[in-house]
Each structure stands twice: as structure tokens, then as C-alpha cells.
C-alpha atoms as a PDB file:
ATOM      1  CA  MET A   1       3.420   5.986 -25.932  1.00  0.00           C
ATOM      2  CA  ASN A   2       6.597   4.155 -24.873  1.00  0.00           C
ATOM      3  CA  TYR A   3       8.630   4.082 -21.956  1.00  0.00           C
ATOM      4  CA  SER A   4      11.181   6.497 -23.410  1.00  0.00           C
ATOM      5  CA  GLN A   5       8.673   9.082 -23.870  1.00  0.00           C
ATOM      6  CA  VAL A   6       7.744   8.579 -19.987  1.00  0.00           C
ATOM      7  CA  HIS A   7      11.544   8.538 -19.225  1.00  0.00           C
ATOM      8  CA  PHE A   8      12.013  11.535 -20.619  1.00  0.00           C
ATOM      9  CA  ALA A   9       8.818  13.151 -18.946  1.00  0.00           C
ATOM     10  CA  LEU A  10      10.123  12.391 -15.641  1.00  0.00           C
ATOM     11  CA  GLN A  11      13.533  13.328 -16.109  1.00  0.00           C
ATOM     12  CA  ASN A  12      12.595  16.949 -16.936  1.00  0.00           C
ATOM     13  CA  LYS A  13      10.557  17.120 -13.739  1.00  0.00           C
ATOM     14  CA  ALA A  14      13.823  15.579 -11.374  1.00  0.00           C
ATOM     15  CA  ASP A  15      14.616  17.761  -8.407  1.00  0.00           C
ATOM     16  CA  PRO A  16      18.323  16.431  -6.889  1.00  0.00           C
ATOM     17  CA  LEU A  17      17.188  18.433  -3.619  1.00  0.00           C
ATOM     18  CA  ARG A  18      14.010  16.388  -3.384  1.00  0.00           C
ATOM     19  CA  ALA A  19      15.801  13.265  -4.473  1.00  0.00           C
ATOM     20  CA  GLU A  20      18.084  13.290  -1.444  1.00  0.00           C
ATOM     21  CA  SER A  21      15.399  14.245   0.872  1.00  0.00           C
ATOM     22  CA  SER A  22      13.101  11.357  -0.287  1.00  0.00           C
ATOM     23  CA  LYS A  23      16.450   8.887   0.284  1.00  0.00           C
ATOM     24  CA  ARG A  24      16.491   9.653   3.737  1.00  0.00           C
ATOM     25  CA  PHE A  25      12.606   9.748   4.503  1.00  0.00           C
ATOM     26  CA  PHE A  26      12.274   6.168   2.708  1.00  0.00           C
ATOM     27  CA  LYS A  27      14.980   4.572   4.640  1.00  0.00           C
ATOM     28  CA  THR A  28      17.391   3.474   1.635  1.00  0.00           C
ATOM     29  CA  GLY A  29      20.477   2.999   3.826  1.00  0.00           C
ATOM     30  CA  LYS A  30      22.180   0.045   4.146  1.00  0.00           C
ATOM     31  CA  GLY A  31      20.264  -2.573   6.213  1.00  0.00           C
ATOM     32  CA  GLN A  32      17.261  -0.307   6.215  1.00  0.00           C
ATOM     33  CA  TYR A  33      13.693  -1.512   4.639  1.00  0.00           C
ATOM     34  CA  ALA A  34      14.176   0.498   1.346  1.00  0.00           C
ATOM     35  CA  GLU A  35      18.096  -0.216   1.056  1.00  0.00           C
ATOM     36  CA  GLY A  36      19.201   0.834  -2.631  1.00  0.00           C
ATOM     37  CA  ASP A  37      15.944   2.232  -3.699  1.00  0.00           C
ATOM     38  CA  GLN A  38      16.774   5.212  -6.061  1.00  0.00           C
ATOM     39  CA  PHE A  39      14.878   8.388  -6.221  1.00  0.00           C
ATOM     40  CA  ILE A  40      15.052  11.662  -8.767  1.00  0.00           C
ATOM     41  CA  GLY A  41      13.023  13.957  -6.701  1.00  0.00           C
ATOM     42  CA  ILE A  42       9.543  14.245  -8.023  1.00  0.00           C
ATOM     43  CA  SER A  43       6.287  15.215  -5.870  1.00  0.00           C
ATOM     44  CA  MET A  44       2.980  12.930  -5.906  1.00  0.00           C
ATOM     45  CA  PRO A  45       1.242  15.899  -7.619  1.00  0.00           C
ATOM     46  CA  ASP A  46       3.442  15.943 -10.875  1.00  0.00           C
ATOM     47  CA  LEU A  47       3.446  11.992 -10.709  1.00  0.00           C
ATOM     48  CA  ARG A  48      -0.681  12.118 -10.954  1.00  0.00           C
ATOM     49  CA  VAL A  49      -0.669  14.741 -13.463  1.00  0.00           C
ATOM     50  CA  LEU A  50       1.867  12.644 -15.836  1.00  0.00           C
ATOM     51  CA  ALA A  51      -0.115   9.662 -14.948  1.00  0.00           C
ATOM     52  CA  LYS A  52      -3.141  11.296 -16.279  1.00  0.00           C
ATOM     53  CA  GLN A  53      -1.226  12.264 -19.686  1.00  0.00           C
ATOM     54  CA  PHE A  54       0.053   8.575 -20.007  1.00  0.00           C
ATOM     55  CA  GLU A  55      -2.823   6.911 -18.943  1.00  0.00           C
ATOM     56  CA  VAL A  56      -3.062   4.755 -22.283  1.00  0.00           C
ATOM     57  CA  MET A  57       0.420   3.489 -21.818  1.00  0.00           C
ATOM     58  CA  PRO A  58       0.394  -0.245 -23.055  1.00  0.00           C
ATOM     59  CA  HIS A  59       1.573  -2.600 -20.724  1.00  0.00           C
ATOM     60  CA  SER A  60       4.432  -3.925 -22.999  1.00  0.00           C
ATOM     61  CA  GLU A  61       5.675  -0.549 -22.706  1.00  0.00           C
ATOM     62  CA  MET A  62       4.969  -0.132 -18.897  1.00  0.00           C
ATOM     63  CA  GLN A  63       6.953  -3.266 -17.891  1.00  0.00           C
ATOM     64  CA  GLN A  64      10.310  -1.354 -18.083  1.00  0.00           C
ATOM     65  CA  LEU A  65       8.626   1.443 -15.863  1.00  0.00           C
ATOM     66  CA  ILE A  66       7.155  -0.864 -12.914  1.00  0.00           C
ATOM     67  CA  GLU A  67      10.324  -3.094 -13.126  1.00  0.00           C
ATOM     68  CA  SER A  68      12.697   0.039 -12.972  1.00  0.00           C
ATOM     69  CA  GLU A  69      15.403   1.080 -10.185  1.00  0.00           C
ATOM     70  CA  ILE A  70      13.773   4.380  -9.948  1.00  0.00           C
ATOM     71  CA  HIS A  71      11.112   4.604  -7.330  1.00  0.00           C
ATOM     72  CA  GLU A  72       8.881   7.307  -9.047  1.00  0.00           C
ATOM     73  CA  GLU A  73       8.881   5.426 -12.192  1.00  0.00           C
ATOM     74  CA  ARG A  74       7.481   2.398 -10.416  1.00  0.00           C
ATOM     75  CA  MET A  75       5.024   4.954  -8.664  1.00  0.00           C
ATOM     76  CA  LEU A  76       4.162   6.340 -11.432  1.00  0.00           C
ATOM     77  CA  ALA A  77       3.347   2.632 -13.071  1.00  0.00           C
ATOM     78  CA  VAL A  78       0.842   1.625 -10.186  1.00  0.00           C
ATOM     79  CA  ILE A  79      -0.755   5.311 -10.111  1.00  0.00           C
ATOM     80  CA  ILE A  80      -1.257   4.677 -14.213  1.00  0.00           C
ATOM     81  CA  LEU A  81      -2.830   1.185 -13.254  1.00  0.00           C
ATOM     82  CA  THR A  82      -5.265   2.667 -10.619  1.00  0.00           C
ATOM     83  CA  ARG A  83      -6.557   4.691 -13.444  1.00  0.00           C
ATOM     84  CA  GLN A  84      -6.657   1.749 -16.490  1.00  0.00           C
ATOM     85  CA  TYR A  85      -8.348  -0.409 -13.560  1.00  0.00           C
ATOM     86  CA  LYS A  86     -11.723   1.462 -14.183  1.00  0.00           C
ATOM     87  CA  GLN A  87     -11.508   0.715 -17.854  1.00  0.00           C
ATOM     88  CA  ASN A  88     -10.043  -2.848 -17.927  1.00  0.00           C
ATOM     89  CA  ALA A  89     -10.546  -4.331 -14.634  1.00  0.00           C
ATOM     90  CA  GLN A  90      -9.579  -8.450 -15.199  1.00  0.00           C
ATOM     91  CA  VAL A  91      -6.445  -7.461 -17.484  1.00  0.00           C
ATOM     92  CA  VAL A  92      -5.287  -4.610 -14.857  1.00  0.00           C
ATOM     93  CA  TYR A  93      -5.654  -6.784 -11.828  1.00  0.00           C
ATOM     94  CA  GLN A  94      -3.687  -9.570 -13.227  1.00  0.00           C
ATOM     95  CA  TYR A  95      -1.005  -7.722 -14.401  1.00  0.00           C
ATOM     96  CA  TYR A  96      -0.644  -6.102 -10.861  1.00  0.00           C
ATOM     97  CA  VAL A  97      -0.577  -9.591  -9.254  1.00  0.00           C
ATOM     98  CA  ASP A  98       2.008 -10.871 -11.911  1.00  0.00           C
ATOM     99  CA  ASN A  99       4.106  -7.538 -10.957  1.00  0.00           C
ATOM    100  CA  LEU A 100       3.560  -7.458  -7.185  1.00  0.00           C
ATOM    101  CA  GLN A 101       7.489  -8.026  -6.706  1.00  0.00           C
ATOM    102  CA  TYR A 102       7.783  -4.528  -8.093  1.00  0.00           C
ATOM    103  CA  VAL A 103       5.182  -2.979  -5.581  1.00  0.00           C
ATOM    104  CA  ASN A 104       8.029  -2.847  -2.848  1.00  0.00           C
ATOM    105  CA  ASN A 105       7.833  -0.074  -0.778  1.00  0.00           C
ATOM    106  CA  TRP A 106       5.079   1.253   1.416  1.00  0.00           C
ATOM    107  CA  ASP A 107       3.872   4.234  -0.593  1.00  0.00           C
ATOM    108  CA  LEU A 108       3.380   2.130  -3.739  1.00  0.00           C
ATOM    109  CA  VAL A 109       1.477  -0.255  -1.746  1.00  0.00           C
ATOM    110  CA  ASP A 110      -0.533   2.425  -0.330  1.00  0.00           C
ATOM    111  CA  ALA A 111      -1.447   3.854  -3.572  1.00  0.00           C
ATOM    112  CA  SER A 112      -2.401   0.941  -5.124  1.00  0.00           C
ATOM    113  CA  ALA A 113      -3.456  -2.386  -3.174  1.00  0.00           C
ATOM    114  CA  HIS A 114      -7.172  -1.149  -2.311  1.00  0.00           C
ATOM    115  CA  LEU A 115      -7.688   0.486  -5.562  1.00  0.00           C
ATOM    116  CA  ILE A 116      -6.793  -2.409  -7.694  1.00  0.00           C
ATOM    117  CA  MET A 117      -6.606  -5.579  -5.486  1.00  0.00           C
ATOM    118  CA  GLY A 118      -9.156  -4.691  -2.978  1.00  0.00           C
ATOM    119  CA  GLN A 119     -11.795  -3.362  -5.296  1.00  0.00           C
ATOM    120  CA  HIS A 120     -11.305  -6.490  -7.614  1.00  0.00           C
ATOM    121  CA  LEU A 121     -11.638  -8.707  -4.856  1.00  0.00           C
ATOM    122  CA  MET A 122     -14.917  -7.092  -3.359  1.00  0.00           C
ATOM    123  CA  ASP A 123     -17.319  -9.794  -4.836  1.00  0.00           C
ATOM    124  CA  GLN A 124     -15.047 -12.693  -5.381  1.00  0.00           C
ATOM    125  CA  ASN A 125     -12.580 -15.087  -3.770  1.00  0.00           C
ATOM    126  CA  LYS A 126     -10.013 -13.609  -1.320  1.00  0.00           C
ATOM    127  CA  THR A 127      -7.848 -16.296  -0.304  1.00  0.00           C
ATOM    128  CA  ILE A 128      -4.974 -14.704  -2.178  1.00  0.00           C
ATOM    129  CA  LEU A 129      -5.001 -12.147   0.614  1.00  0.00           C
ATOM    130  CA  LEU A 130      -4.328 -15.097   3.206  1.00  0.00           C
ATOM    131  CA  ASP A 131      -1.606 -16.114   1.030  1.00  0.00           C
ATOM    132  CA  LEU A 132       0.023 -12.493   0.683  1.00  0.00           C
ATOM    133  CA  ALA A 133      -0.743 -12.338   4.510  1.00  0.00           C
ATOM    134  CA  ARG A 134       1.652 -14.956   5.200  1.00  0.00           C
ATOM    135  CA  SER A 135       4.185 -14.288   2.506  1.00  0.00           C
ATOM    136  CA  GLU A 136       7.921 -13.820   3.726  1.00  0.00           C
ATOM    137  CA  ILE A 137       8.014 -10.715   1.687  1.00  0.00           C
ATOM    138  CA  MET A 138       6.946  -8.140   4.068  1.00  0.00           C
ATOM    139  CA  TRP A 139       5.587  -5.875   1.012  1.00  0.00           C
ATOM    140  CA  ASN A 140       2.901  -8.455   0.049  1.00  0.00           C
ATOM    141  CA  ARG A 141       1.750  -8.763   3.633  1.00  0.00           C
ATOM    142  CA  ARG A 142       1.178  -4.840   3.733  1.00  0.00           C
ATOM    143  CA  VAL A 143      -0.749  -5.360   0.385  1.00  0.00           C
ATOM    144  CA  ALA A 144      -2.656  -7.933   2.078  1.00  0.00           C
ATOM    145  CA  MET A 145      -3.552  -5.707   4.834  1.00  0.00           C
ATOM    146  CA  VAL A 146      -4.272  -2.332   2.855  1.00  0.00           C
ATOM    147  CA  ALA A 147      -6.317  -4.267   0.226  1.00  0.00           C
ATOM    148  CA  THR A 148      -8.856  -4.460   2.981  1.00  0.00           C
ATOM    149  CA  TRP A 149      -9.370  -0.710   3.253  1.00  0.00           C
ATOM    150  CA  GLN A 150     -11.736  -1.006   0.196  1.00  0.00           C
ATOM    151  CA  PHE A 151     -13.768  -3.462   2.073  1.00  0.00           C
ATOM    152  CA  ILE A 152     -14.010  -1.196   4.699  1.00  0.00           C
ATOM    153  CA  ARG A 153     -14.913   1.738   2.559  1.00  0.00           C
ATOM    154  CA  ASN A 154     -17.958  -0.640   1.892  1.00  0.00           C
ATOM    155  CA  ASN A 155     -18.661  -1.613   5.240  1.00  0.00           C
ATOM    156  CA  GLN A 156     -17.379  -5.112   4.948  1.00  0.00           C
ATOM    157  CA  PHE A 157     -15.124  -5.839   8.095  1.00  0.00           C
ATOM    158  CA  GLU A 158     -14.708  -9.528   8.313  1.00  0.00           C
ATOM    159  CA  TRP A 159     -11.291  -9.493   6.104  1.00  0.00           C
ATOM    160  CA  THR A 160      -9.739  -6.606   7.678  1.00  0.00           C
ATOM    161  CA  VAL A 161      -9.931  -8.742  11.188  1.00  0.00           C
ATOM    162  CA  LYS A 162      -8.894 -11.887   9.550  1.00  0.00           C
ATOM    163  CA  ILE A 163      -5.841 -10.304   8.040  1.00  0.00           C
ATOM    164  CA  ALA A 164      -4.851  -8.320  11.221  1.00  0.00           C
ATOM    165  CA  GLU A 165      -5.348 -11.841  13.326  1.00  0.00           C
ATOM    166  CA  ILE A 166      -2.797 -13.128  11.022  1.00  0.00           C
ATOM    167  CA  LEU A 167      -0.290 -10.045  11.346  1.00  0.00           C
ATOM    168  CA  LEU A 168      -0.483  -9.901  15.245  1.00  0.00           C
ATOM    169  CA  ASN A 169       2.961 -11.230  15.741  1.00  0.00           C
ATOM    170  CA  ASP A 170       4.664  -9.761  12.822  1.00  0.00           C
ATOM    171  CA  THR A 171       7.951  -8.355  13.716  1.00  0.00           C
ATOM    172  CA  HIS A 172       7.976  -5.477  11.394  1.00  0.00           C
ATOM    173  CA  ASP A 173       7.098  -1.901  12.133  1.00  0.00           C
ATOM    174  CA  LEU A 174       5.730  -1.146   8.946  1.00  0.00           C
ATOM    175  CA  ILE A 175       3.140  -4.100   9.346  1.00  0.00           C
ATOM    176  CA  HIS A 176       2.170  -3.037  12.880  1.00  0.00           C
ATOM    177  CA  LYS A 177       1.477   0.664  11.036  1.00  0.00           C
ATOM    178  CA  ALA A 178      -0.752  -0.608   8.390  1.00  0.00           C
ATOM    179  CA  THR A 179      -2.579  -3.002  10.652  1.00  0.00           C
ATOM    180  CA  GLY A 180      -3.195  -0.526  12.959  1.00  0.00           C
ATOM    181  CA  TRP A 181      -4.262   1.713  10.580  1.00  0.00           C
ATOM    182  CA  MET A 182      -6.668  -0.423   8.924  1.00  0.00           C
ATOM    183  CA  LEU A 183      -8.012  -1.123  12.354  1.00  0.00           C
ATOM    184  CA  ARG A 184      -8.570   2.173  13.116  1.00  0.00           C
ATOM    185  CA  GLU A 185     -10.473   2.939   9.602  1.00  0.00           C
ATOM    186  CA  ALA A 186     -12.873   0.103  10.511  1.00  0.00           C
ATOM    187  CA  GLY A 187     -13.394   1.784  13.879  1.00  0.00           C
ATOM    188  CA  LYS A 188     -14.406   4.988  12.056  1.00  0.00           C
ATOM    189  CA  ARG A 189     -17.089   3.128  10.317  1.00  0.00           C
ATOM    190  CA  ASP A 190     -18.022   0.687  13.133  1.00  0.00           C
ATOM    191  CA  VAL A 191     -16.413   1.433  16.662  1.00  0.00           C
ATOM    192  CA  GLN A 192     -17.701  -1.988  17.698  1.00  0.00           C
ATOM    193  CA  VAL A 193     -15.808  -3.984  15.350  1.00  0.00           C
ATOM    194  CA  LEU A 194     -12.719  -2.302  16.760  1.00  0.00           C
ATOM    195  CA  LEU A 195     -13.537  -2.767  20.288  1.00  0.00           C
ATOM    196  CA  SER A 196     -14.110  -6.313  19.594  1.00  0.00           C
ATOM    197  CA  PHE A 197     -11.051  -6.813  18.201  1.00  0.00           C
ATOM    198  CA  LEU A 198      -9.210  -4.824  20.791  1.00  0.00           C
ATOM    199  CA  ASN A 199     -10.900  -6.784  23.669  1.00  0.00           C
ATOM    200  CA  THR A 200      -9.564  -9.716  22.300  1.00  0.00           C
ATOM    201  CA  HIS A 201      -5.964  -8.880  21.208  1.00  0.00           C
ATOM    202  CA  ALA A 202      -4.830  -5.601  22.750  1.00  0.00           C
ATOM    203  CA  ALA A 203      -2.891  -7.198  25.705  1.00  0.00           C
ATOM    204  CA  HIS A 204      -0.711  -9.136  22.964  1.00  0.00           C
ATOM    205  CA  MET A 205      -0.696  -6.323  19.918  1.00  0.00           C
ATOM    206  CA  PRO A 206       2.802  -4.582  19.364  1.00  0.00           C
ATOM    207  CA  ARG A 207       2.728  -1.198  20.827  1.00  0.00           C
ATOM    208  CA  THR A 208       2.909   0.691  17.357  1.00  0.00           C
ATOM    209  CA  MET A 209      -0.055  -1.316  16.012  1.00  0.00           C
ATOM    210  CA  LEU A 210      -2.306  -0.789  19.431  1.00  0.00           C
ATOM    211  CA  ARG A 211      -1.341   3.133  19.270  1.00  0.00           C
ATOM    212  CA  TYR A 212      -2.491   3.152  15.498  1.00  0.00           C
ATOM    213  CA  ALA A 213      -5.541   1.382  16.253  1.00  0.00           C
ATOM    214  CA  ILE A 214      -6.972   3.476  19.304  1.00  0.00           C
ATOM    215  CA  GLU A 215      -6.072   6.893  17.952  1.00  0.00           C
ATOM    216  CA  LYS A 216      -9.659   7.892  17.115  1.00  0.00           C
ATOM    217  CA  LEU A 217     -11.000   6.449  20.451  1.00  0.00           C
ATOM    218  CA  PRO A 218     -11.757   8.533  23.303  1.00  0.00           C
ATOM    219  CA  GLU A 219      -8.901   9.463  25.564  1.00  0.00           C
ATOM    220  CA  SER A 220     -10.227   7.350  28.597  1.00  0.00           C
ATOM    221  CA  MET A 221     -10.483   4.237  26.398  1.00  0.00           C
ATOM    222  CA  ARG A 222      -7.033   4.769  24.773  1.00  0.00           C
ATOM    223  CA  VAL A 223      -5.431   4.984  28.278  1.00  0.00           C
ATOM    224  CA  GLY A 224      -7.428   1.890  29.290  1.00  0.00           C
ATOM    225  CA  PHE A 225      -6.096   0.024  26.388  1.00  0.00           C
ATOM    226  CA  MET A 226      -2.703   0.985  26.796  1.00  0.00           C
END
């Protein structure tokens, strides 16, 4: 399986109307967070079908895919990697880390960070997350936060709290949303973890982060924290 085959399969699924809609949805205009990102208009269900079809694609051929200017090609690459991780964890994790610069939109992060980085770091040294959380690259900071989703799923909350505290003063809305989202997910598993964080930090949290974090709490609590 080579890049040309995958590229051809993607072009056959392209939808110009969906592509135009995606450009607006993902804020690709000048000065926006995804400025210049290119879309050809392929749905996530179709991408997942193609990922299954091309699951054994070698990384030497995948490089063109993950470096592509076309958003859906990069998305296909990270979905394939999440599937490959189950068979070759260390190699896939290292490849993902080495190519993190191409995981450069929120949906790419959210489709892969917890399933590759989070899963791999479950029982390993997690200090790479601290470096990512302090990165000047916004997508790296989101990777650090979303990676902890896998820890949450396994009732481990320490690193979600630790990364959230680093990101409290972040200035980007997409980081506020991701941080609030992960805090909310932690609260679904253990509400005391969330309440402890809120009791310490709610007064200083960005409003979007706070709204996301408290979304599932009883109304009286939500009103109190807001």
C-alpha cells in the first residue's frame, strides 16, 4: 500500500460542498487558528472505513500522508496510527511523537492524543506531557491535555489536574475548552476531584474553561461557581 493509492481513494470520496463547509467550521481564514488548512470534503465515517482498508500502510509511505496540506489526509494518517498502535505500540508512539507537528488541528488531536500518547504513558514516565503543556505551540498544549483522557478512563486523575493547573492562564479558547472538557470527564468519574479543583481555582479560571468543567454539575452548583 502506497501514498498514491490512498490519495486516489480519498479523491474519489471528495465532496466540494462539504469541503467549503469544513473550511468555515474549522476557521481556515486569515488570522484564524487553522489559517490555510486545505479540505476536500470527506466525512469521518468514510475516513474510518478507509483507515481500516489501509491499516497496514507502512510508515515510509504514510509520511506523505501525515505531512499533507490536505486536512483529511492528515486525519486519515492519525486514525491509521490509532489502529496500528494495538499491534506495534512502541514504534507507533515514537512515530506519533516525531510527527506531532502535523497533528495541528483540534480534531486531529482529539482523535488520537489519548489513544496513542495517553495509552502509551499510562504506566510510564509522563514528564513529556509537562513539556507539551508548556509548549509555545497551541496544538501541543491541547495534546498534553487530551492525552489525559485515557488516564481518566482508568480512574487516574492526577495528571489531568496537573496539566489543567499549567493551562489555567492559557490565552487560547481551544485550550480553555479542552481543559474544561477533561475536568468535566474527570468529574463524571469522581466528582470530588472536580470539586476540589474548582474550589481552588474557579475564581481564576477562564469563563469558557469553567463553563465546560461544570456542565454536568447540578444547577445550584453551576450557579454558585459561575
